[in-house]
Protein backbone atom coordinates (compact mmCIF):
# COMPACT_ATOMS: atom_id res chain seq x y z
CA UNK A 1 -119.67 63.99 52.69
CA UNK A 2 -121.14 62.10 55.17
CA UNK A 3 -122.37 58.61 54.70
CA UNK A 4 -126.31 57.88 55.11
CA UNK A 5 -126.57 56.03 58.52
CA UNK A 6 -128.08 52.65 57.61
CA UNK A 7 -124.54 51.94 55.04
CA UNK A 8 -123.61 48.98 54.52
CA UNK A 9 -119.70 49.23 54.07
CA UNK A 10 -119.72 45.75 52.81
CA UNK A 11 -121.87 46.91 49.44
CA UNK A 12 -118.80 46.66 47.49
CA UNK A 13 -117.77 43.07 47.12
CA UNK A 14 -114.70 41.07 44.87
CA UNK A 15 -115.27 37.81 43.83
CA UNK A 16 -111.97 36.62 45.55
CA UNK A 17 -112.72 33.24 44.49
CA UNK A 18 -111.75 31.00 41.24
CA UNK A 19 -115.06 29.90 40.03
CA UNK A 20 -113.95 26.44 39.25
CA UNK A 21 -111.48 25.30 41.60
CA UNK A 22 -112.64 28.50 44.63
CA UNK A 23 -109.09 28.81 44.97
CA UNK A 24 -107.97 32.63 45.73
CA UNK A 25 -106.89 35.12 43.39
CA UNK A 26 -103.20 36.04 43.88
CA UNK A 27 -104.18 39.93 42.43
CA UNK A 28 -100.65 40.44 41.10
CA UNK A 29 -101.77 38.56 38.29
CA UNK A 30 -104.34 40.92 37.46
CA UNK A 31 -103.39 42.64 33.86
CA UNK A 32 -105.42 46.08 33.06
CA UNK A 33 -105.93 44.90 28.89
CA UNK A 34 -107.34 48.11 27.69
CA UNK A 35 -109.33 51.26 29.37
CA UNK A 36 -111.98 53.32 27.36
CA UNK A 37 -114.66 56.00 28.80
CA UNK A 38 -115.96 55.35 31.91
CA UNK A 39 -114.78 50.74 30.71
CA UNK A 40 -111.88 48.83 31.31
CA UNK A 41 -111.16 45.26 30.38
CA UNK A 42 -109.31 42.96 32.49
CA UNK A 43 -107.98 39.78 32.51
CA UNK A 44 -107.08 37.16 35.59
CA UNK A 45 -106.23 33.83 35.71
CA UNK A 46 -106.35 31.17 38.54
CA UNK A 47 -102.63 29.71 40.03
CA UNK A 48 -104.66 26.58 40.47
CA UNK A 49 -106.69 24.91 37.56
CA UNK A 50 -104.98 28.47 34.93
CA UNK A 51 -108.46 29.19 34.16
CA UNK A 52 -108.77 32.64 33.11
CA UNK A 53 -111.63 35.36 33.46
CA UNK A 54 -112.05 38.21 31.02
CA UNK A 55 -113.70 40.94 32.59
CA UNK A 56 -115.39 44.47 31.94
CA UNK A 57 -115.94 46.85 34.60
CA UNK A 58 -117.97 49.60 34.35
CA UNK A 59 -118.34 53.01 36.12
CA UNK A 60 -121.47 54.30 35.36
CA UNK A 61 -124.61 56.18 36.79
CA UNK A 62 -125.75 53.45 38.97
CA UNK A 63 -122.15 52.56 40.94
CA UNK A 64 -120.01 49.93 39.19
CA UNK A 65 -121.21 46.49 37.36
CA UNK A 66 -118.93 43.56 36.32
CA UNK A 67 -119.44 41.61 33.51
CA UNK A 68 -117.24 38.79 33.20
CA UNK A 69 -115.70 35.27 30.50
CA UNK A 70 -114.76 32.67 31.83
CA UNK A 71 -111.65 31.31 29.75
CA UNK A 72 -108.83 28.19 28.90
CA UNK A 73 -107.16 31.52 26.80
CA UNK A 74 -104.14 32.66 27.82
CA UNK A 75 -103.13 35.72 28.22
CA UNK A 76 -100.72 36.26 24.95
CA UNK A 77 -104.03 33.96 22.97
CA UNK A 78 -106.61 37.12 23.84
CA UNK A 79 -103.54 39.79 22.82
CA UNK A 80 -103.39 38.16 19.99
CA UNK A 81 -107.04 38.71 18.94
CA UNK A 82 -105.76 42.74 18.85
CA UNK A 83 -104.25 41.80 14.87
CA UNK A 84 -107.13 40.59 14.07
CA UNK A 85 -109.26 42.63 10.95
CA UNK A 86 -112.49 43.84 12.68
CA UNK A 87 -116.02 41.99 11.38
CA UNK A 88 -117.60 43.50 9.13
CA UNK A 89 -121.32 44.18 7.40
CA UNK A 90 -120.47 41.60 4.54
CA UNK A 91 -118.31 39.95 7.31
CA UNK A 92 -121.94 38.96 8.86
CA UNK A 93 -124.35 38.63 6.18
CA UNK A 94 -121.79 36.06 4.00
CA UNK A 95 -121.85 33.89 7.00
CA UNK A 96 -125.38 33.98 7.24
CA UNK A 97 -126.06 32.78 3.51
CA UNK A 98 -123.26 30.04 3.84
CA UNK A 99 -125.08 29.03 7.33
CA UNK A 100 -128.53 29.26 5.95
CA UNK A 101 -127.36 27.31 2.29
CA UNK A 102 -127.23 23.35 2.16
CA UNK A 103 -124.36 23.41 1.72
CA UNK A 104 -122.35 20.50 3.95
CA UNK A 105 -118.88 21.26 2.54
CA UNK A 106 -119.01 23.94 5.00
CA UNK A 107 -118.83 21.17 7.86
CA UNK A 108 -115.99 19.30 6.91
CA UNK A 109 -113.00 18.94 8.44
CA UNK A 110 -110.79 19.94 6.30
C-alpha cells in the first residue's frame, strides 16, 4: 500500500524522556505487564530518578493511543496488586456510607 503524498513520517512519536527529570529512558527497562484484546499494560522506570510510568497502549480504529500514570511504585509493588481481591459493588457502597457518616474514627491514625 502506498503512503499518501502528504504523509508525515514523524506522526508516531514516543515519549522517550522521563516526565520528572527529562532523562532519556533505557527501553531495556520497559516491562509488559499484561495484554488483553487490543491493549497492553506497560511499566518503565527512569534509571536516574526512579520515577515510573504505568501506561495502557490501545490500538483502535483511529490508531494507537496511550494513557500513562506517573508513580513511585516499584515493579514488585505493582505486581503485588495482582494478589488483591477485586473491589465489589458492596465494597464501594460501604465506603460511600462510611465517608458520608459523621464517624471521625475513620480518619484517625491507628
